[in-house]
Structure formats: structure tokens, C-alpha cells
Amino acid sequence: SKWYALRCKPRKEDAAWRQVMNEGFE
């Protein structure tokens, strides 16, 4: 596992963060 930067849609960082966590990623 390595760190990557994930681009999010404007003002959707919170929703994207929850989605990433729900998918089981750190």
C-alpha cells in the first residue's frame, strides 16, 4: 500500500472521504 492524492468534485471532500472509508481504504 502507498499513499496517493485523490481529486474530489468541488466541495464534495467530506462525501468522498466517507465513500473511501466505506470502501475499506485508509
PDB file of all heavy atoms in Angstrom:
ATOM      1  N   SER A   1       0.826  -1.203   0.000  1.00  0.00           N
ATOM      2  CA  SER A   1       0.000   0.000   0.000  1.00  0.00           C
ATOM      3  C   SER A   1       0.859   1.252   0.000  1.00  0.00           C
ATOM      4  O   SER A   1       1.852   1.333   0.731  1.00  0.00           O
ATOM      5  CB  SER A   1      -0.909   0.014   1.227  1.00  0.00           C
ATOM      6  OG  SER A   1      -1.866  -1.000   1.124  1.00  0.00           O
ATOM      7  N   LYS A   2       0.448   2.226  -0.803  1.00  0.00           N
ATOM      8  CA  LYS A   2       1.151   3.505  -0.896  1.00  0.00           C
ATOM      9  C   LYS A   2       0.121   4.623  -0.872  1.00  0.00           C
ATOM     10  O   LYS A   2      -1.056   4.411  -1.150  1.00  0.00           O
ATOM     11  CB  LYS A   2       1.966   3.569  -2.189  1.00  0.00           C
ATOM     12  CG  LYS A   2       3.050   2.516  -2.212  1.00  0.00           C
ATOM     13  CD  LYS A   2       3.895   2.619  -3.450  1.00  0.00           C
ATOM     14  CE  LYS A   2       4.867   1.516  -3.351  1.00  0.00           C
ATOM     15  NZ  LYS A   2       5.870   1.191  -3.945  1.00  0.00           N
ATOM     16  N   TRP A   3       0.595   5.828  -0.546  1.00  0.00           N
ATOM     17  CA  TRP A   3      -0.277   7.000  -0.495  1.00  0.00           C
ATOM     18  C   TRP A   3      -0.404   7.637  -1.871  1.00  0.00           C
ATOM     19  O   TRP A   3       0.572   7.756  -2.608  1.00  0.00           O
ATOM     20  CB  TRP A   3       0.281   8.041   0.477  1.00  0.00           C
ATOM     21  CG  TRP A   3       0.087   7.695   1.921  1.00  0.00           C
ATOM     22  CD1 TRP A   3       1.043   7.260   2.785  1.00  0.00           C
ATOM     23  CD2 TRP A   3      -1.127   7.763   2.674  1.00  0.00           C
ATOM     24  NE1 TRP A   3       0.506   7.048   4.026  1.00  0.00           N
ATOM     25  CE2 TRP A   3      -0.839   7.355   3.981  1.00  0.00           C
ATOM     26  CE3 TRP A   3      -2.435   8.130   2.356  1.00  0.00           C
ATOM     27  CZ2 TRP A   3      -1.795   7.301   4.976  1.00  0.00           C
ATOM     28  CZ3 TRP A   3      -3.401   8.084   3.355  1.00  0.00           C
ATOM     29  CH2 TRP A   3      -3.073   7.675   4.651  1.00  0.00           C
ATOM     30  N   TYR A   4      -1.622   8.077  -2.184  1.00  0.00           N
ATOM     31  CA  TYR A   4      -1.920   8.781  -3.426  1.00  0.00           C
ATOM     32  C   TYR A   4      -2.836   9.957  -3.095  1.00  0.00           C
ATOM     33  O   TYR A   4      -3.570   9.928  -2.103  1.00  0.00           O
ATOM     34  CB  TYR A   4      -2.644   7.858  -4.424  1.00  0.00           C
ATOM     35  CG  TYR A   4      -1.834   6.655  -4.813  1.00  0.00           C
ATOM     36  CD1 TYR A   4      -1.965   5.452  -4.123  1.00  0.00           C
ATOM     37  CD2 TYR A   4      -0.923   6.712  -5.864  1.00  0.00           C
ATOM     38  CE1 TYR A   4      -1.209   4.344  -4.470  1.00  0.00           C
ATOM     39  CE2 TYR A   4      -0.172   5.609  -6.217  1.00  0.00           C
ATOM     40  CZ  TYR A   4      -0.310   4.431  -5.513  1.00  0.00           C
ATOM     41  OH  TYR A   4       0.441   3.339  -5.864  1.00  0.00           O
ATOM     42  N   ALA A   5      -2.810  10.979  -3.954  1.00  0.00           N
ATOM     43  CA  ALA A   5      -3.731  12.111  -3.816  1.00  0.00           C
ATOM     44  C   ALA A   5      -4.949  11.834  -4.684  1.00  0.00           C
ATOM     45  O   ALA A   5      -4.828  11.492  -5.859  1.00  0.00           O
ATOM     46  CB  ALA A   5      -3.056  13.407  -4.236  1.00  0.00           C
ATOM     47  N   LEU A   6      -6.122  11.965  -4.098  1.00  0.00           N
ATOM     48  CA  LEU A   6      -7.376  11.723  -4.791  1.00  0.00           C
ATOM     49  C   LEU A   6      -8.090  13.048  -5.017  1.00  0.00           C
ATOM     50  O   LEU A   6      -8.319  13.796  -4.067  1.00  0.00           O
ATOM     51  CB  LEU A   6      -8.263  10.786  -3.959  1.00  0.00           C
ATOM     52  CG  LEU A   6      -9.637  10.442  -4.509  1.00  0.00           C
ATOM     53  CD1 LEU A   6      -9.521   9.669  -5.822  1.00  0.00           C
ATOM     54  CD2 LEU A   6     -10.426   9.634  -3.488  1.00  0.00           C
ATOM     55  N   ARG A   7      -8.401  13.356  -6.279  1.00  0.00           N
ATOM     56  CA  ARG A   7      -9.146  14.577  -6.603  1.00  0.00           C
ATOM     57  C   ARG A   7     -10.621  14.347  -6.335  1.00  0.00           C
ATOM     58  O   ARG A   7     -11.164  13.289  -6.652  1.00  0.00           O
ATOM     59  CB  ARG A   7      -8.959  14.962  -8.072  1.00  0.00           C
ATOM     60  CG  ARG A   7      -7.605  15.530  -8.367  1.00  0.00           C
ATOM     61  CD  ARG A   7      -7.465  16.023  -9.793  1.00  0.00           C
ATOM     62  NE  ARG A   7      -8.524  16.972 -10.127  1.00  0.00           N
ATOM     63  CZ  ARG A   7      -9.123  17.035 -11.320  1.00  0.00           C
ATOM     64  NH1 ARG A   7      -8.767  16.227 -12.294  1.00  0.00           N
ATOM     65  NH2 ARG A   7     -10.065  17.917 -11.550  1.00  0.00           N
ATOM     66  N   CYS A   8     -11.248  15.376  -5.769  1.00  0.00           N
ATOM     67  CA  CYS A   8     -12.676  15.304  -5.459  1.00  0.00           C
ATOM     68  C   CYS A   8     -13.429  16.366  -6.243  1.00  0.00           C
ATOM     69  O   CYS A   8     -12.857  17.374  -6.651  1.00  0.00           O
ATOM     70  CB  CYS A   8     -12.907  15.556  -3.969  1.00  0.00           C
ATOM     71  SG  CYS A   8     -11.972  14.463  -2.900  1.00  0.00           S
ATOM     72  N   LYS A   9     -14.712  16.149  -6.422  1.00  0.00           N
ATOM     73  CA  LYS A   9     -15.550  17.167  -7.032  1.00  0.00           C
ATOM     74  C   LYS A   9     -15.620  18.371  -6.086  1.00  0.00           C
ATOM     75  O   LYS A   9     -15.426  18.215  -4.879  1.00  0.00           O
ATOM     76  CB  LYS A   9     -16.937  16.600  -7.313  1.00  0.00           C
ATOM     77  CG  LYS A   9     -16.913  15.541  -8.398  1.00  0.00           C
ATOM     78  CD  LYS A   9     -18.280  14.997  -8.705  1.00  0.00           C
ATOM     79  CE  LYS A   9     -18.178  13.950  -9.806  1.00  0.00           C
ATOM     80  NZ  LYS A   9     -19.459  13.316 -10.083  1.00  0.00           N
ATOM     81  N   PRO A  10     -15.883  19.561  -6.633  1.00  0.00           N
ATOM     82  CA  PRO A  10     -15.900  20.765  -5.784  1.00  0.00           C
ATOM     83  C   PRO A  10     -16.824  20.639  -4.579  1.00  0.00           C
ATOM     84  O   PRO A  10     -17.973  20.227  -4.709  1.00  0.00           O
ATOM     85  CB  PRO A  10     -16.387  21.863  -6.736  1.00  0.00           C
ATOM     86  CG  PRO A  10     -16.002  21.377  -8.099  1.00  0.00           C
ATOM     87  CD  PRO A  10     -16.138  19.874  -8.040  1.00  0.00           C
ATOM     88  N   ARG A  11     -16.281  20.942  -3.414  1.00  0.00           N
ATOM     89  CA  ARG A  11     -16.992  20.923  -2.128  1.00  0.00           C
ATOM     90  C   ARG A  11     -17.602  19.557  -1.794  1.00  0.00           C
ATOM     91  O   ARG A  11     -18.590  19.466  -1.077  1.00  0.00           O
ATOM     92  CB  ARG A  11     -18.047  22.028  -2.076  1.00  0.00           C
ATOM     93  CG  ARG A  11     -17.422  23.411  -1.995  1.00  0.00           C
ATOM     94  CD  ARG A  11     -18.424  24.523  -2.015  1.00  0.00           C
ATOM     95  NE  ARG A  11     -19.132  24.681  -3.269  1.00  0.00           N
ATOM     96  CZ  ARG A  11     -18.612  25.155  -4.407  1.00  0.00           C
ATOM     97  NH1 ARG A  11     -17.357  25.472  -4.455  1.00  0.00           N
ATOM     98  NH2 ARG A  11     -19.361  25.280  -5.487  1.00  0.00           N
ATOM     99  N   LYS A  12     -17.017  18.487  -2.306  1.00  0.00           N
ATOM    100  CA  LYS A  12     -17.503  17.128  -2.032  1.00  0.00           C
ATOM    101  C   LYS A  12     -16.458  16.295  -1.289  1.00  0.00           C
ATOM    102  O   LYS A  12     -16.537  15.070  -1.261  1.00  0.00           O
ATOM    103  CB  LYS A  12     -17.890  16.413  -3.339  1.00  0.00           C
ATOM    104  CG  LYS A  12     -19.075  17.026  -4.042  1.00  0.00           C
ATOM    105  CD  LYS A  12     -20.330  16.835  -3.230  1.00  0.00           C
ATOM    106  CE  LYS A  12     -21.550  17.356  -3.968  1.00  0.00           C
ATOM    107  NZ  LYS A  12     -22.740  17.311  -3.146  1.00  0.00           N
ATOM    108  N   GLU A  13     -15.484  16.975  -0.673  1.00  0.00           N
ATOM    109  CA  GLU A  13     -14.416  16.243   0.019  1.00  0.00           C
ATOM    110  C   GLU A  13     -14.965  15.366   1.146  1.00  0.00           C
ATOM    111  O   GLU A  13     -14.522  14.231   1.316  1.00  0.00           O
ATOM    112  CB  GLU A  13     -13.378  17.217   0.600  1.00  0.00           C
ATOM    113  CG  GLU A  13     -12.683  18.067  -0.420  1.00  0.00           C
ATOM    114  CD  GLU A  13     -13.369  19.410  -0.667  1.00  0.00           C
ATOM    115  OE1 GLU A  13     -14.498  19.618  -0.167  1.00  0.00           O
ATOM    116  OE2 GLU A  13     -12.783  20.243  -1.373  1.00  0.00           O
ATOM    117  N   ASP A  14     -15.928  15.889   1.926  1.00  0.00           N
ATOM    118  CA  ASP A  14     -16.491  15.109   3.039  1.00  0.00           C
ATOM    119  C   ASP A  14     -17.151  13.830   2.537  1.00  0.00           C
ATOM    120  O   ASP A  14     -16.931  12.747   3.079  1.00  0.00           O
ATOM    121  CB  ASP A  14     -17.523  15.937   3.821  1.00  0.00           C
ATOM    122  CG  ASP A  14     -16.905  17.070   4.615  1.00  0.00           C
ATOM    123  OD1 ASP A  14     -15.729  16.980   4.981  1.00  0.00           O
ATOM    124  OD2 ASP A  14     -17.624  18.059   4.871  1.00  0.00           O
ATOM    125  N   ALA A  15     -17.966  13.970   1.497  1.00  0.00           N
ATOM    126  CA  ALA A  15     -18.667  12.803   0.943  1.00  0.00           C
ATOM    127  C   ALA A  15     -17.670  11.804   0.343  1.00  0.00           C
ATOM    128  O   ALA A  15     -17.819  10.593   0.517  1.00  0.00           O
ATOM    129  CB  ALA A  15     -19.678  13.256  -0.111  1.00  0.00           C
ATOM    130  N   ALA A  16     -16.659  12.317  -0.353  1.00  0.00           N
ATOM    131  CA  ALA A  16     -15.652  11.430  -0.940  1.00  0.00           C
ATOM    132  C   ALA A  16     -14.880  10.696   0.156  1.00  0.00           C
ATOM    133  O   ALA A  16     -14.603   9.498   0.041  1.00  0.00           O
ATOM    134  CB  ALA A  16     -14.696  12.221  -1.828  1.00  0.00           C
ATOM    135  N   TRP A  17     -14.536  11.409   1.238  1.00  0.00           N
ATOM    136  CA  TRP A  17     -13.807  10.800   2.354  1.00  0.00           C
ATOM    137  C   TRP A  17     -14.636   9.666   2.960  1.00  0.00           C
ATOM    138  O   TRP A  17     -14.118   8.567   3.196  1.00  0.00           O
ATOM    139  CB  TRP A  17     -13.483  11.873   3.392  1.00  0.00           C
ATOM    140  CG  TRP A  17     -12.822  11.353   4.619  1.00  0.00           C
ATOM    141  CD1 TRP A  17     -11.551  10.863   4.733  1.00  0.00           C
ATOM    142  CD2 TRP A  17     -13.404  11.271   5.927  1.00  0.00           C
ATOM    143  NE1 TRP A  17     -11.307  10.480   6.032  1.00  0.00           N
ATOM    144  CE2 TRP A  17     -12.426  10.730   6.776  1.00  0.00           C
ATOM    145  CE3 TRP A  17     -14.637  11.618   6.456  1.00  0.00           C
ATOM    146  CZ2 TRP A  17     -12.666  10.520   8.134  1.00  0.00           C
ATOM    147  CZ3 TRP A  17     -14.864  11.409   7.798  1.00  0.00           C
ATOM    148  CH2 TRP A  17     -13.882  10.857   8.608  1.00  0.00           C
ATOM    149  N   ARG A  18     -15.925   9.920   3.178  1.00  0.00           N
ATOM    150  CA  ARG A  18     -16.791   8.859   3.729  1.00  0.00           C
ATOM    151  C   ARG A  18     -16.870   7.674   2.773  1.00  0.00           C
ATOM    152  O   ARG A  18     -16.828   6.522   3.195  1.00  0.00           O
ATOM    153  CB  ARG A  18     -18.192   9.415   4.017  1.00  0.00           C
ATOM    154  CG  ARG A  18     -18.257  10.254   5.271  1.00  0.00           C
ATOM    155  CD  ARG A  18     -19.686  10.576   5.687  1.00  0.00           C
ATOM    156  NE  ARG A  18     -20.422  11.317   4.670  1.00  0.00           N
ATOM    157  CZ  ARG A  18     -20.401  12.642   4.550  1.00  0.00           C
ATOM    158  NH1 ARG A  18     -19.689  13.361   5.381  1.00  0.00           N
ATOM    159  NH2 ARG A  18     -21.108  13.229   3.594  1.00  0.00           N
ATOM    160  N   GLN A  19     -16.959   7.952   1.475  1.00  0.00           N
ATOM    161  CA  GLN A  19     -17.032   6.884   0.477  1.00  0.00           C
ATOM    162  C   GLN A  19     -15.759   6.040   0.485  1.00  0.00           C
ATOM    163  O   GLN A  19     -15.814   4.810   0.456  1.00  0.00           O
ATOM    164  CB  GLN A  19     -17.263   7.489  -0.918  1.00  0.00           C
ATOM    165  CG  GLN A  19     -17.486   6.472  -2.000  1.00  0.00           C
ATOM    166  CD  GLN A  19     -18.813   5.740  -1.863  1.00  0.00           C
ATOM    167  OE1 GLN A  19     -19.810   6.311  -1.448  1.00  0.00           O
ATOM    168  NE2 GLN A  19     -18.817   4.470  -2.198  1.00  0.00           N
ATOM    169  N   VAL A  20     -14.605   6.689   0.535  1.00  0.00           N
ATOM    170  CA  VAL A  20     -13.316   5.973   0.569  1.00  0.00           C
ATOM    171  C   VAL A  20     -13.240   5.094   1.817  1.00  0.00           C
ATOM    172  O   VAL A  20     -12.831   3.932   1.752  1.00  0.00           O
ATOM    173  CB  VAL A  20     -12.142   6.978   0.510  1.00  0.00           C
ATOM    174  CG1 VAL A  20     -10.823   6.300   0.855  1.00  0.00           C
ATOM    175  CG2 VAL A  20     -12.069   7.635  -0.861  1.00  0.00           C
ATOM    176  N   MET A  21     -13.656   5.648   2.949  1.00  0.00           N
ATOM    177  CA  MET A  21     -13.622   4.880   4.202  1.00  0.00           C
ATOM    178  C   MET A  21     -14.596   3.688   4.135  1.00  0.00           C
ATOM    179  O   MET A  21     -14.258   2.599   4.589  1.00  0.00           O
ATOM    180  CB  MET A  21     -13.974   5.785   5.393  1.00  0.00           C
ATOM    181  CG  MET A  21     -12.990   6.930   5.596  1.00  0.00           C
ATOM    182  SD  MET A  21     -11.330   6.398   5.968  1.00  0.00           S
ATOM    183  CE  MET A  21     -11.527   5.931   7.656  1.00  0.00           C
ATOM    184  N   ASN A  22     -15.785   3.913   3.562  1.00  0.00           N
ATOM    185  CA  ASN A  22     -16.772   2.820   3.435  1.00  0.00           C
ATOM    186  C   ASN A  22     -16.273   1.696   2.543  1.00  0.00           C
ATOM    187  O   ASN A  22     -16.666   0.542   2.715  1.00  0.00           O
ATOM    188  CB  ASN A  22     -18.101   3.354   2.889  1.00  0.00           C
ATOM    189  CG  ASN A  22     -18.870   4.151   3.915  1.00  0.00           C
ATOM    190  OD1 ASN A  22     -18.629   4.045   5.112  1.00  0.00           O
ATOM    191  ND2 ASN A  22     -19.790   4.982   3.447  1.00  0.00           N
ATOM    192  N   GLU A  23     -15.422   2.032   1.576  1.00  0.00           N
ATOM    193  CA  GLU A  23     -14.846   1.018   0.685  1.00  0.00           C
ATOM    194  C   GLU A  23     -13.689   0.268   1.351  1.00  0.00           C
ATOM    195  O   GLU A  23     -13.120  -0.641   0.754  1.00  0.00           O
ATOM    196  CB  GLU A  23     -14.358   1.661  -0.612  1.00  0.00           C
ATOM    197  CG  GLU A  23     -15.468   2.242  -1.461  1.00  0.00           C
ATOM    198  CD  GLU A  23     -16.330   1.194  -2.131  1.00  0.00           C
ATOM    199  OE1 GLU A  23     -15.824   0.092  -2.410  1.00  0.00           O
ATOM    200  OE2 GLU A  23     -17.522   1.487  -2.358  1.00  0.00           O
ATOM    201  N   GLY A  24     -13.311   0.679   2.572  1.00  0.00           N
ATOM    202  CA  GLY A  24     -12.277  -0.033   3.327  1.00  0.00           C
ATOM    203  C   GLY A  24     -10.859   0.458   3.105  1.00  0.00           C
ATOM    204  O   GLY A  24      -9.911  -0.204   3.524  1.00  0.00           O
ATOM    205  N   PHE A  25     -10.688   1.608   2.499  1.00  0.00           N
ATOM    206  CA  PHE A  25      -9.348   2.167   2.281  1.00  0.00           C
ATOM    207  C   PHE A  25      -8.970   3.089   3.427  1.00  0.00           C
ATOM    208  O   PHE A  25      -9.832   3.727   4.032  1.00  0.00           O
ATOM    209  CB  PHE A  25      -9.290   2.952   0.966  1.00  0.00           C
ATOM    210  CG  PHE A  25      -9.493   2.102  -0.248  1.00  0.00           C
ATOM    211  CD1 PHE A  25     -10.711   2.100  -0.914  1.00  0.00           C
ATOM    212  CD2 PHE A  25      -8.467   1.303  -0.731  1.00  0.00           C
ATOM    213  CE1 PHE A  25     -10.911   1.327  -2.031  1.00  0.00           C
ATOM    214  CE2 PHE A  25      -8.653   0.521  -1.857  1.00  0.00           C
ATOM    215  CZ  PHE A  25      -9.878   0.522  -2.509  1.00  0.00           C
ATOM    216  N   GLU A  26      -7.679   3.167   3.689  1.00  0.00           N
ATOM    217  CA  GLU A  26      -7.181   4.139   4.645  1.00  0.00           C
ATOM    218  C   GLU A  26      -7.157   5.495   3.942  1.00  0.00           C
ATOM    219  O   GLU A  26      -6.761   5.595   2.778  1.00  0.00           O
ATOM    220  CB  GLU A  26      -5.767   3.766   5.108  1.00  0.00           C
ATOM    221  CG  GLU A  26      -5.204   4.700   6.155  1.00  0.00           C
ATOM    222  CD  GLU A  26      -3.798   4.311   6.606  1.00  0.00           C
ATOM    223  OE1 GLU A  26      -3.299   3.243   6.211  1.00  0.00           O
ATOM    224  OE2 GLU A  26      -3.195   5.099   7.338  1.00  0.00           O
TER     225      GLU A  26
END
